[in-house]
């Protein structure tokens, strides 16, 4: 398993840095396993640094939705930071900018 993410939980916020440039079918399985490994019940928000990611496909989108669904429904938040234009285009095309907070 390659290192896809590095992260830690800090006061209920899971902060994750993606160390890949493609969140696709080959990377999303490791992404999910690594999120599972650092997830804790106290997590209510997720911040992901997407600065190095310049491509996302349906598997990557599915992995992000999986993270979102794990959060408590009342105050859960997923914030994507440093989102590059090609990735933002996919997220907006799928109207997922309504559930993910995006910071470029």
PDB file of N, CA and C in Angstrom:
ATOM      1  N   UNK A   1       0.854  -1.189   0.000  1.00  0.00           N
ATOM      2  CA  UNK A   1       0.000   0.000   0.000  1.00  0.00           C
ATOM      3  C   UNK A   1       0.890   1.240   0.000  1.00  0.00           C
ATOM      4  N   UNK A   2       0.696   2.090  -0.977  1.00  0.00           N
ATOM      5  CA  UNK A   2       1.479   3.322  -1.056  1.00  0.00           C
ATOM      6  C   UNK A   2       0.842   4.390  -0.180  1.00  0.00           C
ATOM      7  N   UNK A   3       1.642   5.362   0.218  1.00  0.00           N
ATOM      8  CA  UNK A   3       1.125   6.441   1.052  1.00  0.00           C
ATOM      9  C   UNK A   3       0.381   7.437   0.172  1.00  0.00           C
ATOM     10  N   UNK A   4      -0.921   7.453   0.332  1.00  0.00           N
ATOM     11  CA  UNK A   4      -1.778   8.352  -0.433  1.00  0.00           C
ATOM     12  C   UNK A   4      -2.032   9.618   0.368  1.00  0.00           C
ATOM     13  N   UNK A   5      -2.191   9.446   1.680  1.00  0.00           N
ATOM     14  CA  UNK A   5      -2.500  10.590   2.530  1.00  0.00           C
ATOM     15  C   UNK A   5      -1.641  10.566   3.786  1.00  0.00           C
ATOM     16  N   UNK A   6      -1.497  11.730   4.364  1.00  0.00           N
ATOM     17  CA  UNK A   6      -0.946  11.867   5.705  1.00  0.00           C
ATOM     18  C   UNK A   6      -1.954  12.692   6.475  1.00  0.00           C
ATOM     19  N   UNK A   7      -2.276  12.265   7.667  1.00  0.00           N
ATOM     20  CA  UNK A   7      -3.286  13.004   8.403  1.00  0.00           C
ATOM     21  C   UNK A   7      -3.236  12.757   9.888  1.00  0.00           C
ATOM     22  N   UNK A   8      -3.999  13.574  10.583  1.00  0.00           N
ATOM     23  CA  UNK A   8      -4.123  13.457  12.027  1.00  0.00           C
ATOM     24  C   UNK A   8      -5.433  14.087  12.454  1.00  0.00           C
ATOM     25  N   UNK A   9      -5.917  13.645  13.608  1.00  0.00           N
ATOM     26  CA  UNK A   9      -7.130  14.226  14.175  1.00  0.00           C
ATOM     27  C   UNK A   9      -6.707  15.246  15.221  1.00  0.00           C
ATOM     28  N   UNK A  10      -7.252  16.448  15.088  1.00  0.00           N
ATOM     29  CA  UNK A  10      -6.913  17.538  15.997  1.00  0.00           C
ATOM     30  C   UNK A  10      -8.201  18.216  16.445  1.00  0.00           C
ATOM     31  N   UNK A  11      -8.607  17.968  17.681  1.00  0.00           N
ATOM     32  CA  UNK A  11      -9.791  18.602  18.262  1.00  0.00           C
ATOM     33  C   UNK A  11     -11.046  18.388  17.389  1.00  0.00           C
ATOM     34  N   UNK A  12     -11.265  17.148  16.957  1.00  0.00           N
ATOM     35  CA  UNK A  12     -12.448  16.821  16.175  1.00  0.00           C
ATOM     36  C   UNK A  12     -12.325  17.077  14.683  1.00  0.00           C
ATOM     37  N   UNK A  13     -11.183  17.623  14.255  1.00  0.00           N
ATOM     38  CA  UNK A  13     -10.970  17.908  12.833  1.00  0.00           C
ATOM     39  C   UNK A  13      -9.909  16.950  12.296  1.00  0.00           C
ATOM     40  N   UNK A  14     -10.284  16.173  11.299  1.00  0.00           N
ATOM     41  CA  UNK A  14      -9.324  15.311  10.620  1.00  0.00           C
ATOM     42  C   UNK A  14      -8.676  16.140   9.524  1.00  0.00           C
ATOM     43  N   UNK A  15      -7.373  16.395   9.677  1.00  0.00           N
ATOM     44  CA  UNK A  15      -6.622  17.170   8.686  1.00  0.00           C
ATOM     45  C   UNK A  15      -5.807  16.200   7.858  1.00  0.00           C
ATOM     46  N   UNK A  16      -6.014  16.255   6.549  1.00  0.00           N
ATOM     47  CA  UNK A  16      -5.409  15.292   5.636  1.00  0.00           C
ATOM     48  C   UNK A  16      -4.689  16.037   4.518  1.00  0.00           C
ATOM     49  N   UNK A  17      -3.495  15.569   4.186  1.00  0.00           N
ATOM     50  CA  UNK A  17      -2.773  16.063   3.011  1.00  0.00           C
ATOM     51  C   UNK A  17      -2.648  14.905   2.035  1.00  0.00           C
ATOM     52  N   UNK A  18      -3.098  15.108   0.819  1.00  0.00           N
ATOM     53  CA  UNK A  18      -2.984  14.072  -0.199  1.00  0.00           C
ATOM     54  C   UNK A  18      -1.610  14.177  -0.855  1.00  0.00           C
ATOM     55  N   UNK A  19      -0.889  13.079  -0.885  1.00  0.00           N
ATOM     56  CA  UNK A  19       0.453  13.060  -1.445  1.00  0.00           C
ATOM     57  C   UNK A  19       0.489  12.445  -2.832  1.00  0.00           C
ATOM     58  N   UNK A  20      -0.589  12.618  -3.567  1.00  0.00           N
ATOM     59  CA  UNK A  20      -0.710  12.048  -4.913  1.00  0.00           C
ATOM     60  C   UNK A  20      -1.210  13.129  -5.853  1.00  0.00           C
ATOM     61  N   UNK A  21      -1.057  12.904  -7.166  1.00  0.00           N
ATOM     62  CA  UNK A  21      -1.608  13.886  -8.102  1.00  0.00           C
ATOM     63  C   UNK A  21      -2.844  13.371  -8.823  1.00  0.00           C
ATOM     64  N   UNK A  22      -3.203  12.104  -8.600  1.00  0.00           N
ATOM     65  CA  UNK A  22      -4.418  11.545  -9.203  1.00  0.00           C
ATOM     66  C   UNK A  22      -5.205  10.788  -8.141  1.00  0.00           C
ATOM     67  N   UNK A  23      -6.433  11.214  -7.903  1.00  0.00           N
ATOM     68  CA  UNK A  23      -7.327  10.454  -7.023  1.00  0.00           C
ATOM     69  C   UNK A  23      -8.264   9.686  -7.950  1.00  0.00           C
ATOM     70  N   UNK A  24      -7.785   8.504  -8.368  1.00  0.00           N
ATOM     71  CA  UNK A  24      -8.504   7.695  -9.353  1.00  0.00           C
ATOM     72  C   UNK A  24      -8.720   6.291  -8.799  1.00  0.00           C
ATOM     73  N   UNK A  25      -9.149   5.381  -9.657  1.00  0.00           N
ATOM     74  CA  UNK A  25      -9.479   4.029  -9.221  1.00  0.00           C
ATOM     75  C   UNK A  25      -8.305   3.349  -8.529  1.00  0.00           C
ATOM     76  N   UNK A  26      -7.099   3.554  -9.030  1.00  0.00           N
ATOM     77  CA  UNK A  26      -5.948   2.882  -8.431  1.00  0.00           C
ATOM     78  C   UNK A  26      -5.571   3.467  -7.073  1.00  0.00           C
ATOM     79  N   UNK A  27      -5.853   4.735  -6.842  1.00  0.00           N
ATOM     80  CA  UNK A  27      -5.487   5.373  -5.573  1.00  0.00           C
ATOM     81  C   UNK A  27      -6.624   5.370  -4.551  1.00  0.00           C
ATOM     82  N   UNK A  28      -7.863   5.263  -4.991  1.00  0.00           N
ATOM     83  CA  UNK A  28      -8.978   5.447  -4.056  1.00  0.00           C
ATOM     84  C   UNK A  28      -9.076   4.316  -3.030  1.00  0.00           C
ATOM     85  N   UNK A  29      -8.676   3.112  -3.380  1.00  0.00           N
ATOM     86  CA  UNK A  29      -8.715   2.008  -2.415  1.00  0.00           C
ATOM     87  C   UNK A  29      -7.757   2.285  -1.257  1.00  0.00           C
ATOM     88  N   UNK A  30      -6.521   2.688  -1.578  1.00  0.00           N
ATOM     89  CA  UNK A  30      -5.556   3.028  -0.527  1.00  0.00           C
ATOM     90  C   UNK A  30      -6.009   4.258   0.256  1.00  0.00           C
ATOM     91  N   UNK A  31      -6.606   5.232  -0.442  1.00  0.00           N
ATOM     92  CA  UNK A  31      -7.135   6.425   0.215  1.00  0.00           C
ATOM     93  C   UNK A  31      -8.133   6.013   1.304  1.00  0.00           C
ATOM     94  N   UNK A  32      -9.079   5.138   0.955  1.00  0.00           N
ATOM     95  CA  UNK A  32     -10.100   4.708   1.922  1.00  0.00           C
ATOM     96  C   UNK A  32      -9.472   3.981   3.101  1.00  0.00           C
ATOM     97  N   UNK A  33      -8.520   3.078   2.830  1.00  0.00           N
ATOM     98  CA  UNK A  33      -7.869   2.329   3.908  1.00  0.00           C
ATOM     99  C   UNK A  33      -7.114   3.260   4.844  1.00  0.00           C
ATOM    100  N   UNK A  34      -6.450   4.253   4.283  1.00  0.00           N
ATOM    101  CA  UNK A  34      -5.661   5.161   5.110  1.00  0.00           C
ATOM    102  C   UNK A  34      -6.548   6.114   5.909  1.00  0.00           C
ATOM    103  N   UNK A  35      -7.683   6.520   5.340  1.00  0.00           N
ATOM    104  CA  UNK A  35      -8.643   7.318   6.116  1.00  0.00           C
ATOM    105  C   UNK A  35      -9.171   6.473   7.272  1.00  0.00           C
ATOM    106  N   UNK A  36      -9.511   5.200   7.000  1.00  0.00           N
ATOM    107  CA  UNK A  36      -9.985   4.308   8.065  1.00  0.00           C
ATOM    108  C   UNK A  36      -8.975   4.206   9.201  1.00  0.00           C
ATOM    109  N   UNK A  37      -7.694   4.137   8.850  1.00  0.00           N
ATOM    110  CA  UNK A  37      -6.640   3.950   9.849  1.00  0.00           C
ATOM    111  C   UNK A  37      -6.496   5.140  10.801  1.00  0.00           C
ATOM    112  N   UNK A  38      -6.811   6.341  10.334  1.00  0.00           N
ATOM    113  CA  UNK A  38      -6.642   7.519  11.200  1.00  0.00           C
ATOM    114  C   UNK A  38      -7.963   8.088  11.714  1.00  0.00           C
ATOM    115  N   UNK A  39      -9.092   7.544  11.240  1.00  0.00           N
ATOM    116  CA  UNK A  39     -10.414   8.032  11.657  1.00  0.00           C
ATOM    117  C   UNK A  39     -10.635   7.739  13.134  1.00  0.00           C
ATOM    118  N   UNK A  40     -11.326   8.628  13.819  1.00  0.00           N
ATOM    119  CA  UNK A  40     -11.731   8.371  15.201  1.00  0.00           C
ATOM    120  C   UNK A  40     -13.162   8.868  15.389  1.00  0.00           C
ATOM    121  N   UNK A  41     -13.852   8.350  16.403  1.00  0.00           N
ATOM    122  CA  UNK A  41     -15.260   8.731  16.617  1.00  0.00           C
ATOM    123  C   UNK A  41     -15.482  10.215  16.871  1.00  0.00           C
ATOM    124  N   UNK A  42     -14.439  10.927  17.307  1.00  0.00           N
ATOM    125  CA  UNK A  42     -14.596  12.347  17.624  1.00  0.00           C
ATOM    126  C   UNK A  42     -14.616  13.245  16.390  1.00  0.00           C
ATOM    127  N   UNK A  43     -14.322  12.698  15.207  1.00  0.00           N
ATOM    128  CA  UNK A  43     -14.229  13.509  13.989  1.00  0.00           C
ATOM    129  C   UNK A  43     -15.602  14.062  13.606  1.00  0.00           C
ATOM    130  N   UNK A  44     -15.665  15.401  13.478  1.00  0.00           N
ATOM    131  CA  UNK A  44     -16.885  16.058  13.010  1.00  0.00           C
ATOM    132  C   UNK A  44     -16.628  16.882  11.757  1.00  0.00           C
ATOM    133  N   UNK A  45     -15.345  17.135  11.460  1.00  0.00           N
ATOM    134  CA  UNK A  45     -14.983  17.903  10.270  1.00  0.00           C
ATOM    135  C   UNK A  45     -13.748  17.283   9.639  1.00  0.00           C
ATOM    136  N   UNK A  46     -13.653  17.453   8.322  1.00  0.00           N
ATOM    137  CA  UNK A  46     -12.490  16.968   7.592  1.00  0.00           C
ATOM    138  C   UNK A  46     -11.967  18.102   6.726  1.00  0.00           C
ATOM    139  N   UNK A  47     -10.668  18.341   6.800  1.00  0.00           N
ATOM    140  CA  UNK A  47      -9.996  19.307   5.923  1.00  0.00           C
ATOM    141  C   UNK A  47      -8.987  18.534   5.096  1.00  0.00           C
ATOM    142  N   UNK A  48      -9.116  18.618   3.782  1.00  0.00           N
ATOM    143  CA  UNK A  48      -8.191  17.915   2.899  1.00  0.00           C
ATOM    144  C   UNK A  48      -7.433  18.903   2.045  1.00  0.00           C
ATOM    145  N   UNK A  49      -6.113  18.789   2.067  1.00  0.00           N
ATOM    146  CA  UNK A  49      -5.270  19.607   1.213  1.00  0.00           C
ATOM    147  C   UNK A  49      -5.143  18.904  -0.131  1.00  0.00           C
ATOM    148  N   UNK A  50      -5.766  19.476  -1.141  1.00  0.00           N
ATOM    149  CA  UNK A  50      -5.796  18.912  -2.490  1.00  0.00           C
ATOM    150  C   UNK A  50      -4.772  19.574  -3.402  1.00  0.00           C
ATOM    151  N   UNK A  51      -3.804  20.294  -2.841  1.00  0.00           N
ATOM    152  CA  UNK A  51      -2.858  21.073  -3.630  1.00  0.00           C
ATOM    153  C   UNK A  51      -2.117  20.293  -4.698  1.00  0.00           C
ATOM    154  N   UNK A  52      -1.835  19.011  -4.451  1.00  0.00           N
ATOM    155  CA  UNK A  52      -1.075  18.221  -5.426  1.00  0.00           C
ATOM    156  C   UNK A  52      -1.968  17.437  -6.384  1.00  0.00           C
ATOM    157  N   UNK A  53      -3.267  17.429  -6.146  1.00  0.00           N
ATOM    158  CA  UNK A  53      -4.182  16.616  -6.951  1.00  0.00           C
ATOM    159  C   UNK A  53      -4.650  17.399  -8.178  1.00  0.00           C
ATOM    160  N   UNK A  54      -4.335  16.876  -9.372  1.00  0.00           N
ATOM    161  CA  UNK A  54      -4.777  17.563 -10.591  1.00  0.00           C
ATOM    162  C   UNK A  54      -5.742  16.717 -11.415  1.00  0.00           C
ATOM    163  N   UNK A  55      -6.151  15.552 -10.879  1.00  0.00           N
ATOM    164  CA  UNK A  55      -7.108  14.694 -11.583  1.00  0.00           C
ATOM    165  C   UNK A  55      -7.922  13.910 -10.570  1.00  0.00           C
ATOM    166  N   UNK A  56      -9.231  13.823 -10.814  1.00  0.00           N
ATOM    167  CA  UNK A  56     -10.115  12.996  -9.989  1.00  0.00           C
ATOM    168  C   UNK A  56     -11.107  12.323 -10.918  1.00  0.00           C
ATOM    169  N   UNK A  57     -11.389  11.038 -10.654  1.00  0.00           N
ATOM    170  CA  UNK A  57     -12.393  10.341 -11.453  1.00  0.00           C
ATOM    171  C   UNK A  57     -13.534   9.897 -10.534  1.00  0.00           C
ATOM    172  N   UNK A  58     -14.446   9.089 -11.065  1.00  0.00           N
ATOM    173  CA  UNK A  58     -15.623   8.693 -10.292  1.00  0.00           C
ATOM    174  C   UNK A  58     -15.253   7.909  -9.039  1.00  0.00           C
ATOM    175  N   UNK A  59     -14.185   7.128  -9.086  1.00  0.00           N
ATOM    176  CA  UNK A  59     -13.747   6.389  -7.894  1.00  0.00           C
ATOM    177  C   UNK A  59     -13.274   7.355  -6.810  1.00  0.00           C
ATOM    178  N   UNK A  60     -12.543   8.387  -7.207  1.00  0.00           N
ATOM    179  CA  UNK A  60     -12.090   9.393  -6.264  1.00  0.00           C
ATOM    180  C   UNK A  60     -13.249  10.173  -5.669  1.00  0.00           C
ATOM    181  N   UNK A  61     -14.207  10.516  -6.516  1.00  0.00           N
ATOM    182  CA  UNK A  61     -15.410  11.219  -6.035  1.00  0.00           C
ATOM    183  C   UNK A  61     -16.151  10.328  -5.040  1.00  0.00           C
ATOM    184  N   UNK A  62     -16.262   9.037  -5.363  1.00  0.00           N
ATOM    185  CA  UNK A  62     -16.917   8.093  -4.455  1.00  0.00           C
ATOM    186  C   UNK A  62     -16.208   8.012  -3.110  1.00  0.00           C
ATOM    187  N   UNK A  63     -14.880   8.049  -3.128  1.00  0.00           N
ATOM    188  CA  UNK A  63     -14.109   8.019  -1.886  1.00  0.00           C
ATOM    189  C   UNK A  63     -14.384   9.267  -1.047  1.00  0.00           C
ATOM    190  N   UNK A  64     -14.483  10.423  -1.694  1.00  0.00           N
ATOM    191  CA  UNK A  64     -14.791  11.670  -0.974  1.00  0.00           C
ATOM    192  C   UNK A  64     -16.192  11.621  -0.376  1.00  0.00           C
ATOM    193  N   UNK A  65     -17.147  11.119  -1.142  1.00  0.00           N
ATOM    194  CA  UNK A  65     -18.520  11.006  -0.629  1.00  0.00           C
ATOM    195  C   UNK A  65     -18.564  10.044   0.558  1.00  0.00           C
ATOM    196  N   UNK A  66     -17.760   8.982   0.490  1.00  0.00           N
ATOM    197  CA  UNK A  66     -17.673   8.048   1.613  1.00  0.00           C
ATOM    198  C   UNK A  66     -17.203   8.726   2.889  1.00  0.00           C
ATOM    199  N   UNK A  67     -16.223   9.614   2.771  1.00  0.00           N
ATOM    200  CA  UNK A  67     -15.744  10.380   3.930  1.00  0.00           C
ATOM    201  C   UNK A  67     -16.868  11.267   4.457  1.00  0.00           C
ATOM    202  N   UNK A  68     -17.560  11.945   3.554  1.00  0.00           N
ATOM    203  CA  UNK A  68     -18.655  12.831   3.950  1.00  0.00           C
ATOM    204  C   UNK A  68     -19.744  12.060   4.705  1.00  0.00           C
ATOM    205  N   UNK A  69     -20.080  10.858   4.221  1.00  0.00           N
ATOM    206  CA  UNK A  69     -21.153  10.070   4.837  1.00  0.00           C
ATOM    207  C   UNK A  69     -20.789   9.557   6.222  1.00  0.00           C
ATOM    208  N   UNK A  70     -19.521   9.505   6.552  1.00  0.00           N
ATOM    209  CA  UNK A  70     -19.099   9.038   7.881  1.00  0.00           C
ATOM    210  C   UNK A  70     -19.290  10.106   8.956  1.00  0.00           C
ATOM    211  N   UNK A  71     -19.434  11.359   8.541  1.00  0.00           N
ATOM    212  CA  UNK A  71     -19.546  12.463   9.494  1.00  0.00           C
ATOM    213  C   UNK A  71     -20.931  12.513  10.123  1.00  0.00           C
ATOM    214  N   UNK A  72     -21.022  13.084  11.329  1.00  0.00           N
ATOM    215  CA  UNK A  72     -22.342  13.295  11.933  1.00  0.00           C
ATOM    216  C   UNK A  72     -23.181  14.200  11.022  1.00  0.00           C
ATOM    217  N   UNK A  73     -24.421  13.860  10.829  1.00  0.00           N
ATOM    218  CA  UNK A  73     -25.246  14.573   9.838  1.00  0.00           C
ATOM    219  C   UNK A  73     -25.550  16.014  10.222  1.00  0.00           C
ATOM    220  N   UNK A  74     -25.572  16.329  11.514  1.00  0.00           N
ATOM    221  CA  UNK A  74     -25.978  17.678  11.910  1.00  0.00           C
ATOM    222  C   UNK A  74     -24.888  18.730  11.712  1.00  0.00           C
ATOM    223  N   UNK A  75     -23.638  18.404  11.990  1.00  0.00           N
ATOM    224  CA  UNK A  75     -22.603  19.432  11.886  1.00  0.00           C
ATOM    225  C   UNK A  75     -21.372  18.965  11.108  1.00  0.00           C
ATOM    226  N   UNK A  76     -21.515  17.934  10.315  1.00  0.00           N
ATOM    227  CA  UNK A  76     -20.382  17.431   9.536  1.00  0.00           C
ATOM    228  C   UNK A  76     -19.992  18.392   8.421  1.00  0.00           C
ATOM    229  N   UNK A  77     -18.689  18.517   8.179  1.00  0.00           N
ATOM    230  CA  UNK A  77     -18.191  19.419   7.152  1.00  0.00           C
ATOM    231  C   UNK A  77     -16.948  18.820   6.516  1.00  0.00           C
ATOM    232  N   UNK A  78     -16.905  18.838   5.188  1.00  0.00           N
ATOM    233  CA  UNK A  78     -15.696  18.466   4.462  1.00  0.00           C
ATOM    234  C   UNK A  78     -15.227  19.689   3.704  1.00  0.00           C
ATOM    235  N   UNK A  79     -13.995  20.127   4.001  1.00  0.00           N
ATOM    236  CA  UNK A  79     -13.408  21.290   3.346  1.00  0.00           C
ATOM    237  C   UNK A  79     -12.242  20.813   2.489  1.00  0.00           C
ATOM    238  N   UNK A  80     -12.278  21.166   1.205  1.00  0.00           N
ATOM    239  CA  UNK A  80     -11.213  20.813   0.274  1.00  0.00           C
ATOM    240  C   UNK A  80     -10.394  22.075   0.018  1.00  0.00           C
ATOM    241  N   UNK A  81      -9.103  22.032   0.356  1.00  0.00           N
ATOM    242  CA  UNK A  81      -8.244  23.206   0.222  1.00  0.00           C
ATOM    243  C   UNK A  81      -7.292  23.030  -0.954  1.00  0.00           C
ATOM    244  N   UNK A  82      -6.947  24.133  -1.596  1.00  0.00           N
ATOM    245  CA  UNK A  82      -5.973  24.110  -2.675  1.00  0.00           C
ATOM    246  C   UNK A  82      -6.445  23.339  -3.905  1.00  0.00           C
ATOM    247  N   UNK A  83      -7.738  23.377  -4.156  1.00  0.00           N
ATOM    248  CA  UNK A  83      -8.315  22.604  -5.261  1.00  0.00           C
ATOM    249  C   UNK A  83      -7.916  23.228  -6.603  1.00  0.00           C
ATOM    250  N   UNK A  84      -7.324  22.412  -7.472  1.00  0.00           N
ATOM    251  CA  UNK A  84      -6.913  22.880  -8.793  1.00  0.00           C
ATOM    252  C   UNK A  84      -8.110  22.885  -9.743  1.00  0.00           C
ATOM    253  N   UNK A  85      -8.030  23.686 -10.778  1.00  0.00           N
ATOM    254  CA  UNK A  85      -9.148  23.910 -11.703  1.00  0.00           C
ATOM    255  C   UNK A  85      -9.743  22.628 -12.282  1.00  0.00           C
ATOM    256  N   UNK A  86      -8.947  21.656 -12.757  1.00  0.00           N
ATOM    257  CA  UNK A  86      -9.569  20.451 -13.335  1.00  0.00           C
ATOM    258  C   UNK A  86     -10.399  19.662 -12.316  1.00  0.00           C
ATOM    259  N   UNK A  87      -9.919  19.604 -11.072  1.00  0.00           N
ATOM    260  CA  UNK A  87     -10.640  18.894 -10.020  1.00  0.00           C
ATOM    261  C   UNK A  87     -11.896  19.668  -9.635  1.00  0.00           C
ATOM    262  N   UNK A  88     -11.775  20.983  -9.527  1.00  0.00           N
ATOM    263  CA  UNK A  88     -12.931  21.808  -9.182  1.00  0.00           C
ATOM    264  C   UNK A  88     -14.015  21.690 -10.253  1.00  0.00           C
ATOM    265  N   UNK A  89     -13.620  21.611 -11.518  1.00  0.00           N
ATOM    266  CA  UNK A  89     -14.588  21.456 -12.603  1.00  0.00           C
ATOM    267  C   UNK A  89     -15.419  20.191 -12.439  1.00  0.00           C
ATOM    268  N   UNK A  90     -14.758  19.089 -12.098  1.00  0.00           N
ATOM    269  CA  UNK A  90     -15.474  17.824 -11.898  1.00  0.00           C
ATOM    270  C   UNK A  90     -16.430  17.940 -10.714  1.00  0.00           C
ATOM    271  N   UNK A  91     -15.949  18.507  -9.618  1.00  0.00           N
ATOM    272  CA  UNK A  91     -16.776  18.654  -8.418  1.00  0.00           C
ATOM    273  C   UNK A  91     -17.995  19.528  -8.699  1.00  0.00           C
ATOM    274  N   UNK A  92     -17.800  20.616  -9.436  1.00  0.00           N
ATOM    275  CA  UNK A  92     -18.928  21.496  -9.752  1.00  0.00           C
ATOM    276  C   UNK A  92     -19.869  20.862 -10.766  1.00  0.00           C
ATOM    277  N   UNK A  93     -19.326  20.134 -11.746  1.00  0.00           N
ATOM    278  CA  UNK A  93     -20.169  19.449 -12.726  1.00  0.00           C
ATOM    279  C   UNK A  93     -21.132  18.478 -12.039  1.00  0.00           C
ATOM    280  N   UNK A  94     -20.636  17.821 -10.992  1.00  0.00           N
ATOM    281  CA  UNK A  94     -21.454  16.861 -10.242  1.00  0.00           C
ATOM    282  C   UNK A  94     -22.257  17.528  -9.125  1.00  0.00           C
ATOM    283  N   UNK A  95     -22.173  18.845  -9.048  1.00  0.00           N
ATOM    284  CA  UNK A  95     -22.872  19.650  -8.045  1.00  0.00           C
ATOM    285  C   UNK A  95     -22.475  19.301  -6.610  1.00  0.00           C
ATOM    286  N   UNK A  96     -21.267  18.786  -6.441  1.00  0.00           N
ATOM    287  CA  UNK A  96     -20.802  18.419  -5.111  1.00  0.00           C
ATOM    288  C   UNK A  96     -20.259  19.609  -4.335  1.00  0.00           C
ATOM    289  N   UNK A  97     -20.116  20.760  -5.007  1.00  0.00           N
ATOM    290  CA  UNK A  97     -19.705  21.965  -4.281  1.00  0.00           C
ATOM    291  C   UNK A  97     -20.800  22.394  -3.298  1.00  0.00           C
ATOM    292  N   UNK A  98     -21.988  21.774  -3.392  1.00  0.00           N
ATOM    293  CA  UNK A  98     -23.066  22.077  -2.449  1.00  0.00           C
ATOM    294  C   UNK A  98     -22.877  21.334  -1.134  1.00  0.00           C
ATOM    295  N   UNK A  99     -22.095  20.231  -1.142  1.00  0.00           N
ATOM    296  CA  UNK A  99     -21.851  19.514   0.113  1.00  0.00           C
ATOM    297  C   UNK A  99     -20.402  19.645   0.591  1.00  0.00           C
ATOM    298  N   UNK A 100     -19.476  19.947  -0.314  1.00  0.00           N
ATOM    299  CA  UNK A 100     -18.085  20.167   0.073  1.00  0.00           C
ATOM    300  C   UNK A 100     -17.789  21.657   0.030  1.00  0.00           C
ATOM    301  N   UNK A 101     -17.081  22.136   1.047  1.00  0.00           N
ATOM    302  CA  UNK A 101     -16.632  23.526   1.042  1.00  0.00           C
ATOM    303  C   UNK A 101     -15.294  23.548   0.288  1.00  0.00           C
ATOM    304  N   UNK A 102     -15.184  24.416  -0.725  1.00  0.00           N
ATOM    305  CA  UNK A 102     -13.996  24.437  -1.566  1.00  0.00           C
ATOM    306  C   UNK A 102     -13.230  25.738  -1.374  1.00  0.00           C
ATOM    307  N   UNK A 103     -11.916  25.581  -1.117  1.00  0.00           N
ATOM    308  CA  UNK A 103     -11.008  26.737  -1.046  1.00  0.00           C
ATOM    309  C   UNK A 103      -9.911  26.510  -2.053  1.00  0.00           C
ATOM    310  N   UNK A 104      -9.678  27.472  -2.941  1.00  0.00           N
ATOM    311  CA  UNK A 104      -8.609  27.321  -3.926  1.00  0.00           C
ATOM    312  C   UNK A 104      -7.304  27.850  -3.362  1.00  0.00           C
TER     313      UNK A 104
END
